[in-house]
């Protein structure tokens, strides 16, 4: 059971995270377009790389050790 104090602290921390995200978005919008595109390109590349590593990792795990997803 949570206390009202805990709930208030949790709400305050969540608001802080939302404010930080909004500030980051504002800073990103202020970047020159060429830099903004570069950041998107790098992020997309890292995401693709991470997905490829995950897919390869699944192939390397022996089937008997896998946990069923459903």
PDB file of N, CA and C in Angstrom:
ATOM      1  N   UNK A   1       0.854  -1.178   0.000  1.00  0.00           N
ATOM      2  CA  UNK A   1       0.000   0.000   0.000  1.00  0.00           C
ATOM      3  C   UNK A   1       0.904   1.247   0.000  1.00  0.00           C
ATOM      4  N   UNK A   2       0.589   2.177  -0.848  1.00  0.00           N
ATOM      5  CA  UNK A   2       1.390   3.387  -0.935  1.00  0.00           C
ATOM      6  C   UNK A   2       0.780   4.489  -0.088  1.00  0.00           C
ATOM      7  N   UNK A   3       1.643   5.397   0.323  1.00  0.00           N
ATOM      8  CA  UNK A   3       1.185   6.517   1.138  1.00  0.00           C
ATOM      9  C   UNK A   3       0.966   7.734   0.247  1.00  0.00           C
ATOM     10  N   UNK A   4       0.200   8.701   0.712  1.00  0.00           N
ATOM     11  CA  UNK A   4       0.010   9.929  -0.078  1.00  0.00           C
ATOM     12  C   UNK A   4       1.344  10.643  -0.344  1.00  0.00           C
ATOM     13  N   UNK A   5       2.250  10.592   0.627  1.00  0.00           N
ATOM     14  CA  UNK A   5       3.563  11.221   0.445  1.00  0.00           C
ATOM     15  C   UNK A   5       4.316  10.556  -0.709  1.00  0.00           C
ATOM     16  N   UNK A   6       4.292   9.227  -0.725  1.00  0.00           N
ATOM     17  CA  UNK A   6       4.969   8.492  -1.793  1.00  0.00           C
ATOM     18  C   UNK A   6       4.356   8.824  -3.146  1.00  0.00           C
ATOM     19  N   UNK A   7       3.023   8.862  -3.214  1.00  0.00           N
ATOM     20  CA  UNK A   7       2.343   9.183  -4.472  1.00  0.00           C
ATOM     21  C   UNK A   7       2.716  10.576  -4.957  1.00  0.00           C
ATOM     22  N   UNK A   8       2.804  11.532  -4.021  1.00  0.00           N
ATOM     23  CA  UNK A   8       3.182  12.897  -4.393  1.00  0.00           C
ATOM     24  C   UNK A   8       4.611  12.950  -4.899  1.00  0.00           C
ATOM     25  N   UNK A   9       5.509  12.221  -4.249  1.00  0.00           N
ATOM     26  CA  UNK A   9       6.903  12.176  -4.689  1.00  0.00           C
ATOM     27  C   UNK A   9       7.014  11.541  -6.071  1.00  0.00           C
ATOM     28  N   UNK A  10       6.262  10.497  -6.299  1.00  0.00           N
ATOM     29  CA  UNK A  10       6.258   9.825  -7.593  1.00  0.00           C
ATOM     30  C   UNK A  10       5.726  10.755  -8.679  1.00  0.00           C
ATOM     31  N   UNK A  11       4.651  11.469  -8.385  1.00  0.00           N
ATOM     32  CA  UNK A  11       4.083  12.418  -9.351  1.00  0.00           C
ATOM     33  C   UNK A  11       5.073  13.545  -9.641  1.00  0.00           C
ATOM     34  N   UNK A  12       5.749  14.010  -8.608  1.00  0.00           N
ATOM     35  CA  UNK A  12       6.729  15.080  -8.795  1.00  0.00           C
ATOM     36  C   UNK A  12       7.900  14.600  -9.657  1.00  0.00           C
ATOM     37  N   UNK A  13       8.366  13.395  -9.428  1.00  0.00           N
ATOM     38  CA  UNK A  13       9.462  12.847 -10.235  1.00  0.00           C
ATOM     39  C   UNK A  13       9.016  12.684 -11.686  1.00  0.00           C
ATOM     40  N   UNK A  14       7.770  12.251 -11.900  1.00  0.00           N
ATOM     41  CA  UNK A  14       7.251  12.076 -13.255  1.00  0.00           C
ATOM     42  C   UNK A  14       7.162  13.427 -13.972  1.00  0.00           C
ATOM     43  N   UNK A  15       6.692  14.447 -13.254  1.00  0.00           N
ATOM     44  CA  UNK A  15       6.626  15.786 -13.852  1.00  0.00           C
ATOM     45  C   UNK A  15       8.016  16.273 -14.244  1.00  0.00           C
ATOM     46  N   UNK A  16       9.008  15.982 -13.402  1.00  0.00           N
ATOM     47  CA  UNK A  16      10.382  16.391 -13.691  1.00  0.00           C
ATOM     48  C   UNK A  16      10.891  15.715 -14.964  1.00  0.00           C
ATOM     49  N   UNK A  17      10.599  14.442 -15.118  1.00  0.00           N
ATOM     50  CA  UNK A  17      11.007  13.715 -16.329  1.00  0.00           C
ATOM     51  C   UNK A  17      10.336  14.316 -17.555  1.00  0.00           C
ATOM     52  N   UNK A  18       9.047  14.626 -17.445  1.00  0.00           N
ATOM     53  CA  UNK A  18       8.334  15.220 -18.575  1.00  0.00           C
ATOM     54  C   UNK A  18       8.909  16.584 -18.939  1.00  0.00           C
ATOM     55  N   UNK A  19       9.275  17.377 -17.934  1.00  0.00           N
ATOM     56  CA  UNK A  19       9.890  18.684 -18.199  1.00  0.00           C
ATOM     57  C   UNK A  19      11.241  18.531 -18.888  1.00  0.00           C
ATOM     58  N   UNK A  20      12.030  17.562 -18.448  1.00  0.00           N
ATOM     59  CA  UNK A  20      13.331  17.323 -19.075  1.00  0.00           C
ATOM     60  C   UNK A  20      13.163  16.898 -20.524  1.00  0.00           C
ATOM     61  N   UNK A  21      12.186  16.039 -20.800  1.00  0.00           N
ATOM     62  CA  UNK A  21      11.938  15.605 -22.172  1.00  0.00           C
ATOM     63  C   UNK A  21      11.508  16.786 -23.038  1.00  0.00           C
ATOM     64  N   UNK A  22      10.672  17.654 -22.498  1.00  0.00           N
ATOM     65  CA  UNK A  22      10.232  18.832 -23.255  1.00  0.00           C
ATOM     66  C   UNK A  22      11.412  19.760 -23.541  1.00  0.00           C
ATOM     67  N   UNK A  23      12.301  19.928 -22.574  1.00  0.00           N
ATOM     68  CA  UNK A  23      13.479  20.761 -22.783  1.00  0.00           C
ATOM     69  C   UNK A  23      14.383  20.168 -23.865  1.00  0.00           C
ATOM     70  N   UNK A  24      14.546  18.849 -23.849  1.00  0.00           N
ATOM     71  CA  UNK A  24      15.373  18.199 -24.869  1.00  0.00           C
ATOM     72  C   UNK A  24      14.764  18.379 -26.253  1.00  0.00           C
ATOM     73  N   UNK A  25      13.453  18.267 -26.358  1.00  0.00           N
ATOM     74  CA  UNK A  25      12.795  18.459 -27.644  1.00  0.00           C
ATOM     75  C   UNK A  25      12.966  19.887 -28.135  1.00  0.00           C
ATOM     76  N   UNK A  26      12.876  20.858 -27.212  1.00  0.00           N
ATOM     77  CA  UNK A  26      13.066  22.250 -27.594  1.00  0.00           C
ATOM     78  C   UNK A  26      14.490  22.489 -28.095  1.00  0.00           C
ATOM     79  N   UNK A  27      15.466  21.886 -27.425  1.00  0.00           N
ATOM     80  CA  UNK A  27      16.855  22.027 -27.870  1.00  0.00           C
ATOM     81  C   UNK A  27      17.067  21.375 -29.226  1.00  0.00           C
ATOM     82  N   UNK A  28      16.437  20.238 -29.447  1.00  0.00           N
ATOM     83  CA  UNK A  28      16.568  19.541 -30.726  1.00  0.00           C
ATOM     84  C   UNK A  28      15.985  20.365 -31.861  1.00  0.00           C
ATOM     85  N   UNK A  29      14.871  21.031 -31.603  1.00  0.00           N
ATOM     86  CA  UNK A  29      14.243  21.869 -32.620  1.00  0.00           C
ATOM     87  C   UNK A  29      15.152  23.051 -32.980  1.00  0.00           C
ATOM     88  N   UNK A  30      15.925  23.523 -32.012  1.00  0.00           N
ATOM     89  CA  UNK A  30      16.798  24.674 -32.243  1.00  0.00           C
ATOM     90  C   UNK A  30      18.051  24.325 -33.038  1.00  0.00           C
ATOM     91  N   UNK A  31      18.363  23.038 -33.165  1.00  0.00           N
ATOM     92  CA  UNK A  31      19.551  22.636 -33.928  1.00  0.00           C
ATOM     93  C   UNK A  31      19.351  22.953 -35.403  1.00  0.00           C
ATOM     94  N   UNK A  32      20.451  23.243 -36.087  1.00  0.00           N
ATOM     95  CA  UNK A  32      20.346  23.432 -37.537  1.00  0.00           C
ATOM     96  C   UNK A  32      19.840  22.142 -38.188  1.00  0.00           C
ATOM     97  N   UNK A  33      19.112  22.273 -39.307  1.00  0.00           N
ATOM     98  CA  UNK A  33      18.526  21.084 -39.944  1.00  0.00           C
ATOM     99  C   UNK A  33      19.549  19.999 -40.272  1.00  0.00           C
ATOM    100  N   UNK A  34      20.711  20.367 -40.734  1.00  0.00           N
ATOM    101  CA  UNK A  34      21.695  19.352 -41.103  1.00  0.00           C
ATOM    102  C   UNK A  34      22.126  18.542 -39.885  1.00  0.00           C
ATOM    103  N   UNK A  35      22.236  19.197 -38.751  1.00  0.00           N
ATOM    104  CA  UNK A  35      22.622  18.493 -37.539  1.00  0.00           C
ATOM    105  C   UNK A  35      21.490  17.612 -37.037  1.00  0.00           C
ATOM    106  N   UNK A  36      20.280  18.115 -37.162  1.00  0.00           N
ATOM    107  CA  UNK A  36      19.105  17.354 -36.737  1.00  0.00           C
ATOM    108  C   UNK A  36      19.013  16.051 -37.536  1.00  0.00           C
ATOM    109  N   UNK A  37      19.237  16.134 -38.823  1.00  0.00           N
ATOM    110  CA  UNK A  37      19.189  14.956 -39.683  1.00  0.00           C
ATOM    111  C   UNK A  37      20.314  13.992 -39.312  1.00  0.00           C
ATOM    112  N   UNK A  38      21.484  14.528 -39.002  1.00  0.00           N
ATOM    113  CA  UNK A  38      22.607  13.676 -38.604  1.00  0.00           C
ATOM    114  C   UNK A  38      22.278  12.896 -37.347  1.00  0.00           C
ATOM    115  N   UNK A  39      21.669  13.556 -36.383  1.00  0.00           N
ATOM    116  CA  UNK A  39      21.304  12.886 -35.134  1.00  0.00           C
ATOM    117  C   UNK A  39      20.272  11.800 -35.413  1.00  0.00           C
ATOM    118  N   UNK A  40      19.297  12.094 -36.269  1.00  0.00           N
ATOM    119  CA  UNK A  40      18.297  11.083 -36.619  1.00  0.00           C
ATOM    120  C   UNK A  40      18.951   9.902 -37.332  1.00  0.00           C
ATOM    121  N   UNK A  41      19.903  10.174 -38.203  1.00  0.00           N
ATOM    122  CA  UNK A  41      20.592   9.119 -38.941  1.00  0.00           C
ATOM    123  C   UNK A  41      21.378   8.220 -37.986  1.00  0.00           C
ATOM    124  N   UNK A  42      22.081   8.836 -37.053  1.00  0.00           N
ATOM    125  CA  UNK A  42      22.865   8.068 -36.085  1.00  0.00           C
ATOM    126  C   UNK A  42      21.944   7.231 -35.208  1.00  0.00           C
ATOM    127  N   UNK A  43      20.858   7.826 -34.752  1.00  0.00           N
ATOM    128  CA  UNK A  43      19.903   7.100 -33.911  1.00  0.00           C
ATOM    129  C   UNK A  43      19.305   5.921 -34.667  1.00  0.00           C
ATOM    130  N   UNK A  44      18.934   6.136 -35.913  1.00  0.00           N
ATOM    131  CA  UNK A  44      18.365   5.047 -36.720  1.00  0.00           C
ATOM    132  C   UNK A  44      19.394   3.939 -36.927  1.00  0.00           C
ATOM    133  N   UNK A  45      20.637   4.320 -37.162  1.00  0.00           N
ATOM    134  CA  UNK A  45      21.687   3.319 -37.356  1.00  0.00           C
ATOM    135  C   UNK A  45      21.914   2.494 -36.098  1.00  0.00           C
ATOM    136  N   UNK A  46      21.948   3.156 -34.946  1.00  0.00           N
ATOM    137  CA  UNK A  46      22.141   2.428 -33.694  1.00  0.00           C
ATOM    138  C   UNK A  46      20.958   1.512 -33.392  1.00  0.00           C
ATOM    139  N   UNK A  47      19.768   1.966 -33.706  1.00  0.00           N
ATOM    140  CA  UNK A  47      18.581   1.134 -33.486  1.00  0.00           C
ATOM    141  C   UNK A  47      18.625  -0.099 -34.378  1.00  0.00           C
ATOM    142  N   UNK A  48      18.966   0.084 -35.641  1.00  0.00           N
ATOM    143  CA  UNK A  48      19.065  -1.056 -36.563  1.00  0.00           C
ATOM    144  C   UNK A  48      20.130  -2.033 -36.109  1.00  0.00           C
ATOM    145  N   UNK A  49      21.257  -1.499 -35.669  1.00  0.00           N
ATOM    146  CA  UNK A  49      22.348  -2.339 -35.188  1.00  0.00           C
ATOM    147  C   UNK A  49      21.891  -3.154 -33.975  1.00  0.00           C
ATOM    148  N   UNK A  50      21.197  -2.497 -33.038  1.00  0.00           N
ATOM    149  CA  UNK A  50      20.721  -3.184 -31.840  1.00  0.00           C
ATOM    150  C   UNK A  50      19.737  -4.296 -32.202  1.00  0.00           C
ATOM    151  N   UNK A  51      18.845  -4.024 -33.135  1.00  0.00           N
ATOM    152  CA  UNK A  51      17.887  -5.043 -33.560  1.00  0.00           C
ATOM    153  C   UNK A  51      18.587  -6.213 -34.240  1.00  0.00           C
ATOM    154  N   UNK A  52      19.590  -5.919 -35.048  1.00  0.00           N
ATOM    155  CA  UNK A  52      20.329  -6.981 -35.722  1.00  0.00           C
ATOM    156  C   UNK A  52      21.075  -7.848 -34.712  1.00  0.00           C
ATOM    157  N   UNK A  53      21.680  -7.217 -33.719  1.00  0.00           N
ATOM    158  CA  UNK A  53      22.384  -7.976 -32.680  1.00  0.00           C
ATOM    159  C   UNK A  53      21.399  -8.870 -31.925  1.00  0.00           C
ATOM    160  N   UNK A  54      20.222  -8.313 -31.599  1.00  0.00           N
ATOM    161  CA  UNK A  54      19.209  -9.107 -30.896  1.00  0.00           C
ATOM    162  C   UNK A  54      18.749 -10.297 -31.711  1.00  0.00           C
ATOM    163  N   UNK A  55      18.554 -10.083 -33.007  1.00  0.00           N
ATOM    164  CA  UNK A  55      18.120 -11.181 -33.874  1.00  0.00           C
ATOM    165  C   UNK A  55      19.208 -12.252 -33.967  1.00  0.00           C
ATOM    166  N   UNK A  56      20.436 -11.817 -34.091  1.00  0.00           N
ATOM    167  CA  UNK A  56      21.551 -12.774 -34.178  1.00  0.00           C
ATOM    168  C   UNK A  56      21.701 -13.535 -32.864  1.00  0.00           C
ATOM    169  N   UNK A  57      21.531 -12.842 -31.753  1.00  0.00           N
ATOM    170  CA  UNK A  57      21.635 -13.473 -30.439  1.00  0.00           C
ATOM    171  C   UNK A  57      20.585 -14.567 -30.296  1.00  0.00           C
ATOM    172  N   UNK A  58      19.369 -14.309 -30.779  1.00  0.00           N
ATOM    173  CA  UNK A  58      18.314 -15.315 -30.706  1.00  0.00           C
ATOM    174  C   UNK A  58      18.672 -16.544 -31.537  1.00  0.00           C
ATOM    175  N   UNK A  59      19.365 -16.337 -32.655  1.00  0.00           N
ATOM    176  CA  UNK A  59      19.765 -17.466 -33.491  1.00  0.00           C
ATOM    177  C   UNK A  59      20.836 -18.306 -32.807  1.00  0.00           C
ATOM    178  N   UNK A  60      21.662 -17.668 -31.991  1.00  0.00           N
ATOM    179  CA  UNK A  60      22.765 -18.379 -31.345  1.00  0.00           C
ATOM    180  C   UNK A  60      22.332 -19.164 -30.110  1.00  0.00           C
ATOM    181  N   UNK A  61      21.220 -18.779 -29.501  1.00  0.00           N
ATOM    182  CA  UNK A  61      20.740 -19.476 -28.313  1.00  0.00           C
ATOM    183  C   UNK A  61      20.133 -20.803 -28.749  1.00  0.00           C
ATOM    184  N   UNK A  62      20.589 -21.902 -28.159  1.00  0.00           N
ATOM    185  CA  UNK A  62      19.987 -23.199 -28.511  1.00  0.00           C
ATOM    186  C   UNK A  62      18.489 -23.195 -28.224  1.00  0.00           C
ATOM    187  N   UNK A  63      17.745 -23.832 -29.100  1.00  0.00           N
ATOM    188  CA  UNK A  63      16.287 -23.807 -28.994  1.00  0.00           C
ATOM    189  C   UNK A  63      15.786 -24.365 -27.663  1.00  0.00           C
ATOM    190  N   UNK A  64      16.430 -25.346 -27.114  1.00  0.00           N
ATOM    191  CA  UNK A  64      15.935 -25.946 -25.876  1.00  0.00           C
ATOM    192  C   UNK A  64      16.077 -24.994 -24.687  1.00  0.00           C
ATOM    193  N   UNK A  65      16.942 -23.992 -24.787  1.00  0.00           N
ATOM    194  CA  UNK A  65      17.118 -23.044 -23.699  1.00  0.00           C
ATOM    195  C   UNK A  65      16.183 -21.860 -23.815  1.00  0.00           C
ATOM    196  N   UNK A  66      15.550 -21.686 -24.943  1.00  0.00           N
ATOM    197  CA  UNK A  66      14.648 -20.556 -25.136  1.00  0.00           C
ATOM    198  C   UNK A  66      13.404 -20.713 -24.277  1.00  0.00           C
ATOM    199  N   UNK A  67      12.906 -19.586 -23.786  1.00  0.00           N
ATOM    200  CA  UNK A  67      11.659 -19.574 -23.035  1.00  0.00           C
ATOM    201  C   UNK A  67      10.539 -19.245 -24.011  1.00  0.00           C
ATOM    202  N   UNK A  68       9.460 -20.009 -24.032  1.00  0.00           N
ATOM    203  CA  UNK A  68       8.363 -19.716 -24.966  1.00  0.00           C
ATOM    204  C   UNK A  68       7.803 -18.323 -24.698  1.00  0.00           C
ATOM    205  N   UNK A  69       7.477 -17.605 -25.771  1.00  0.00           N
ATOM    206  CA  UNK A  69       6.976 -16.246 -25.630  1.00  0.00           C
ATOM    207  C   UNK A  69       5.515 -16.222 -25.195  1.00  0.00           C
ATOM    208  N   UNK A  70       4.770 -17.262 -25.455  1.00  0.00           N
ATOM    209  CA  UNK A  70       3.345 -17.301 -25.058  1.00  0.00           C
ATOM    210  C   UNK A  70       3.098 -18.441 -24.116  1.00  0.00           C
TER     211      UNK A  70
END
